[in-house]
Amino acid sequence: MVRRREWRVCGRVQGVWFRGATRQQGRRLGVSGVARNRVDGSVQVIAEGSDEALQKLAQWLQVGPEHARVDSVVDIDPPSGETLDDGFYVA
């Protein structure tokens, strides 16, 4: 069953290739979604996939790519209802 999750990732997550690395990780896990910068300096991640894949993505978001510093990951519930394209993309 495909599920949807949404997170707000805070810390040093802009300007460190966080969105691109999230796209790579999502594709590895077979997850569709989007990662986008927010004006408050956080990154919003909306993803759809299996429970197992979404759990692995959530764990990865706690650390992020090499130059990021993740201070917190907030699980947004309920997630956004926007339509997502196939694949994982950055906005």
N, C-alpha and C. Protein backbone atom coordinates (compact mmCIF):
# COMPACT_ATOMS: atom_id res chain seq x y z
N MET A 1 0.84 -1.18 0.00
CA MET A 1 0.00 0.00 0.00
C MET A 1 0.89 1.25 0.00
N VAL A 2 0.55 2.20 -0.84
CA VAL A 2 1.31 3.45 -0.92
C VAL A 2 0.79 4.41 0.14
N ARG A 3 1.71 4.97 0.88
CA ARG A 3 1.38 5.95 1.92
C ARG A 3 2.06 7.27 1.59
N ARG A 4 1.62 8.33 2.24
CA ARG A 4 2.21 9.65 2.06
C ARG A 4 2.67 10.16 3.42
N ARG A 5 3.88 10.74 3.43
CA ARG A 5 4.43 11.38 4.64
C ARG A 5 4.97 12.74 4.25
N GLU A 6 4.99 13.63 5.21
CA GLU A 6 5.55 14.97 5.00
C GLU A 6 6.38 15.34 6.21
N TRP A 7 7.53 15.95 5.94
CA TRP A 7 8.43 16.37 7.00
C TRP A 7 8.91 17.80 6.75
N ARG A 8 9.24 18.50 7.81
CA ARG A 8 9.94 19.78 7.74
C ARG A 8 11.27 19.56 8.43
N VAL A 9 12.37 19.72 7.67
CA VAL A 9 13.72 19.46 8.16
C VAL A 9 14.37 20.81 8.46
N CYS A 10 14.83 20.99 9.69
CA CYS A 10 15.41 22.26 10.13
C CYS A 10 16.88 22.08 10.49
N GLY A 11 17.64 23.14 10.34
CA GLY A 11 19.07 23.14 10.63
C GLY A 11 19.80 23.81 9.48
N ARG A 12 21.03 23.40 9.25
CA ARG A 12 21.76 23.89 8.07
C ARG A 12 21.45 22.92 6.94
N VAL A 13 20.32 23.18 6.26
CA VAL A 13 19.82 22.26 5.24
C VAL A 13 19.61 22.94 3.89
N GLN A 14 19.94 24.21 3.80
CA GLN A 14 19.91 24.90 2.51
C GLN A 14 21.33 25.28 2.14
N GLY A 15 21.64 25.16 0.85
CA GLY A 15 22.99 25.47 0.38
C GLY A 15 24.00 24.37 0.64
N VAL A 16 23.53 23.19 1.00
CA VAL A 16 24.43 22.06 1.27
C VAL A 16 24.02 20.82 0.46
N TRP A 17 23.27 21.03 -0.60
CA TRP A 17 22.82 19.97 -1.50
C TRP A 17 21.87 18.99 -0.82
N PHE A 18 21.08 19.49 0.13
CA PHE A 18 20.14 18.63 0.86
C PHE A 18 19.04 18.12 -0.06
N ARG A 19 18.46 19.00 -0.87
CA ARG A 19 17.36 18.58 -1.74
C ARG A 19 17.81 17.56 -2.78
N GLY A 20 18.97 17.79 -3.39
CA GLY A 20 19.48 16.84 -4.38
C GLY A 20 19.79 15.49 -3.76
N ALA A 21 20.38 15.50 -2.59
CA ALA A 21 20.70 14.24 -1.90
C ALA A 21 19.42 13.52 -1.47
N THR A 22 18.39 14.29 -1.10
CA THR A 22 17.10 13.69 -0.75
C THR A 22 16.48 13.04 -1.98
N ARG A 23 16.60 13.70 -3.12
CA ARG A 23 16.10 13.11 -4.38
C ARG A 23 16.81 11.79 -4.65
N GLN A 24 18.15 11.76 -4.53
CA GLN A 24 18.90 10.52 -4.77
C GLN A 24 18.45 9.41 -3.81
N GLN A 25 18.31 9.76 -2.54
CA GLN A 25 17.91 8.77 -1.54
C GLN A 25 16.50 8.26 -1.83
N GLY A 26 15.59 9.17 -2.18
CA GLY A 26 14.22 8.77 -2.52
C GLY A 26 14.18 7.83 -3.71
N ARG A 27 14.96 8.13 -4.73
CA ARG A 27 15.00 7.26 -5.91
C ARG A 27 15.56 5.89 -5.56
N ARG A 28 16.61 5.85 -4.72
CA ARG A 28 17.17 4.55 -4.29
C ARG A 28 16.11 3.70 -3.58
N LEU A 29 15.25 4.38 -2.82
CA LEU A 29 14.25 3.68 -2.03
C LEU A 29 12.96 3.41 -2.80
N GLY A 30 12.85 3.92 -4.03
CA GLY A 30 11.63 3.73 -4.82
C GLY A 30 10.49 4.61 -4.35
N VAL A 31 10.83 5.78 -3.84
CA VAL A 31 9.84 6.72 -3.30
C VAL A 31 9.62 7.84 -4.30
N SER A 32 8.38 8.30 -4.44
CA SER A 32 8.05 9.47 -5.24
C SER A 32 7.88 10.64 -4.30
N GLY A 33 8.22 11.85 -4.77
CA GLY A 33 8.00 12.99 -3.90
C GLY A 33 8.69 14.25 -4.36
N VAL A 34 8.76 15.20 -3.46
CA VAL A 34 9.36 16.50 -3.73
C VAL A 34 10.10 16.97 -2.49
N ALA A 35 11.21 17.67 -2.72
CA ALA A 35 11.94 18.35 -1.64
C ALA A 35 12.07 19.80 -2.07
N ARG A 36 11.66 20.73 -1.21
CA ARG A 36 11.73 22.15 -1.59
C ARG A 36 12.18 23.01 -0.42
N ASN A 37 12.95 24.04 -0.76
CA ASN A 37 13.38 25.01 0.24
C ASN A 37 12.19 25.85 0.68
N ARG A 38 12.17 26.20 1.95
CA ARG A 38 11.14 27.08 2.52
C ARG A 38 11.81 28.40 2.90
N VAL A 39 11.04 29.46 2.94
CA VAL A 39 11.59 30.78 3.23
C VAL A 39 12.17 30.87 4.64
N ASP A 40 11.76 30.01 5.55
CA ASP A 40 12.29 30.05 6.92
C ASP A 40 13.63 29.32 7.06
N GLY A 41 14.18 28.82 5.94
CA GLY A 41 15.47 28.13 5.98
C GLY A 41 15.37 26.62 6.12
N SER A 42 14.17 26.10 6.28
CA SER A 42 13.98 24.66 6.39
C SER A 42 13.77 24.06 5.00
N VAL A 43 13.70 22.74 4.94
CA VAL A 43 13.37 22.02 3.71
C VAL A 43 12.12 21.19 3.98
N GLN A 44 11.15 21.31 3.07
CA GLN A 44 9.93 20.51 3.14
C GLN A 44 10.12 19.29 2.25
N VAL A 45 9.79 18.12 2.78
CA VAL A 45 9.86 16.88 2.01
C VAL A 45 8.49 16.22 2.08
N ILE A 46 7.91 15.95 0.91
CA ILE A 46 6.66 15.21 0.81
C ILE A 46 7.00 13.96 0.00
N ALA A 47 6.63 12.79 0.50
CA ALA A 47 7.02 11.55 -0.17
C ALA A 47 5.90 10.53 -0.11
N GLU A 48 5.84 9.70 -1.15
CA GLU A 48 4.90 8.60 -1.22
C GLU A 48 5.65 7.31 -1.51
N GLY A 49 5.27 6.24 -0.81
CA GLY A 49 5.89 4.95 -1.03
C GLY A 49 5.41 3.95 0.00
N SER A 50 6.10 2.85 0.07
CA SER A 50 5.75 1.81 1.05
C SER A 50 6.13 2.30 2.45
N ASP A 51 5.51 1.71 3.47
CA ASP A 51 5.83 2.07 4.85
C ASP A 51 7.32 1.89 5.13
N GLU A 52 7.88 0.78 4.66
CA GLU A 52 9.30 0.50 4.90
C GLU A 52 10.20 1.55 4.25
N ALA A 53 9.91 1.91 2.99
CA ALA A 53 10.72 2.90 2.28
C ALA A 53 10.60 4.28 2.94
N LEU A 54 9.39 4.64 3.36
CA LEU A 54 9.20 5.94 4.01
C LEU A 54 9.91 5.99 5.36
N GLN A 55 9.92 4.87 6.09
CA GLN A 55 10.64 4.82 7.36
C GLN A 55 12.14 4.98 7.14
N LYS A 56 12.68 4.35 6.11
CA LYS A 56 14.10 4.49 5.79
C LYS A 56 14.43 5.92 5.38
N LEU A 57 13.54 6.56 4.61
CA LEU A 57 13.76 7.95 4.23
C LEU A 57 13.72 8.84 5.46
N ALA A 58 12.77 8.60 6.36
CA ALA A 58 12.67 9.39 7.59
C ALA A 58 13.95 9.27 8.42
N GLN A 59 14.51 8.08 8.50
CA GLN A 59 15.76 7.89 9.23
C GLN A 59 16.90 8.65 8.56
N TRP A 60 16.97 8.59 7.23
CA TRP A 60 18.02 9.30 6.51
C TRP A 60 17.90 10.81 6.71
N LEU A 61 16.67 11.34 6.74
CA LEU A 61 16.47 12.78 6.92
C LEU A 61 17.02 13.27 8.26
N GLN A 62 17.12 12.40 9.24
CA GLN A 62 17.67 12.78 10.55
C GLN A 62 19.13 13.18 10.46
N VAL A 63 19.82 12.72 9.42
CA VAL A 63 21.25 12.99 9.24
C VAL A 63 21.49 13.84 8.00
N GLY A 64 20.88 13.46 6.87
CA GLY A 64 21.06 14.18 5.62
C GLY A 64 22.43 13.97 5.01
N PRO A 65 22.77 14.78 4.00
CA PRO A 65 24.05 14.64 3.32
C PRO A 65 25.22 15.16 4.17
N GLU A 66 26.40 14.95 3.67
CA GLU A 66 27.65 15.21 4.41
C GLU A 66 27.74 16.60 5.03
N HIS A 67 27.43 17.65 4.31
CA HIS A 67 27.65 19.01 4.81
C HIS A 67 26.44 19.61 5.54
N ALA A 68 25.37 18.85 5.66
CA ALA A 68 24.18 19.33 6.36
C ALA A 68 24.36 19.17 7.87
N ARG A 69 23.60 19.95 8.60
CA ARG A 69 23.47 19.78 10.05
C ARG A 69 21.98 19.80 10.35
N VAL A 70 21.42 18.64 10.63
CA VAL A 70 20.00 18.52 10.90
C VAL A 70 19.77 18.72 12.39
N ASP A 71 19.00 19.77 12.72
CA ASP A 71 18.65 20.03 14.12
C ASP A 71 17.36 19.33 14.52
N SER A 72 16.40 19.27 13.60
CA SER A 72 15.13 18.60 13.90
C SER A 72 14.43 18.20 12.61
N VAL A 73 13.63 17.16 12.72
CA VAL A 73 12.76 16.72 11.63
C VAL A 73 11.36 16.64 12.22
N VAL A 74 10.47 17.48 11.71
CA VAL A 74 9.10 17.54 12.20
C VAL A 74 8.21 16.76 11.24
N ASP A 75 7.48 15.80 11.77
CA ASP A 75 6.54 15.01 10.98
C ASP A 75 5.24 15.80 10.89
N ILE A 76 4.83 16.19 9.68
CA ILE A 76 3.62 16.96 9.46
C ILE A 76 2.47 15.99 9.25
N ASP A 77 1.47 16.07 10.10
CA ASP A 77 0.34 15.16 10.00
C ASP A 77 -0.95 15.95 10.14
N PRO A 78 -1.85 15.91 9.18
CA PRO A 78 -1.79 15.12 7.97
C PRO A 78 -0.90 15.77 6.93
N PRO A 79 -0.34 14.96 6.03
CA PRO A 79 0.51 15.51 4.98
C PRO A 79 -0.29 16.31 3.96
N SER A 80 0.41 17.13 3.20
CA SER A 80 -0.18 17.93 2.14
C SER A 80 -0.96 17.05 1.17
N GLY A 81 -1.98 17.60 0.58
CA GLY A 81 -2.78 16.86 -0.37
C GLY A 81 -2.44 17.17 -1.82
N GLU A 82 -1.31 17.88 -2.05
CA GLU A 82 -0.97 18.24 -3.43
C GLU A 82 -0.63 17.00 -4.25
N THR A 83 -0.82 17.10 -5.56
CA THR A 83 -0.54 16.01 -6.48
C THR A 83 0.96 15.92 -6.71
N LEU A 84 1.51 14.72 -6.62
CA LEU A 84 2.93 14.50 -6.85
C LEU A 84 3.11 13.76 -8.16
N ASP A 85 4.13 14.16 -8.92
CA ASP A 85 4.48 13.44 -10.14
C ASP A 85 5.19 12.15 -9.77
N ASP A 86 5.31 11.24 -10.75
CA ASP A 86 6.11 10.04 -10.55
C ASP A 86 7.56 10.46 -10.39
N GLY A 87 8.31 9.74 -9.62
CA GLY A 87 9.71 10.06 -9.40
C GLY A 87 9.88 11.01 -8.24
N PHE A 88 11.10 11.39 -7.98
CA PHE A 88 11.41 12.33 -6.90
C PHE A 88 12.06 13.53 -7.52
N TYR A 89 11.58 14.73 -7.19
CA TYR A 89 12.11 15.92 -7.79
C TYR A 89 12.34 16.99 -6.75
N VAL A 90 13.10 17.99 -7.13
CA VAL A 90 13.35 19.13 -6.24
C VAL A 90 12.64 20.34 -6.80
N ALA A 91 12.21 21.19 -5.91
CA ALA A 91 11.52 22.41 -6.32
C ALA A 91 12.11 23.58 -5.57
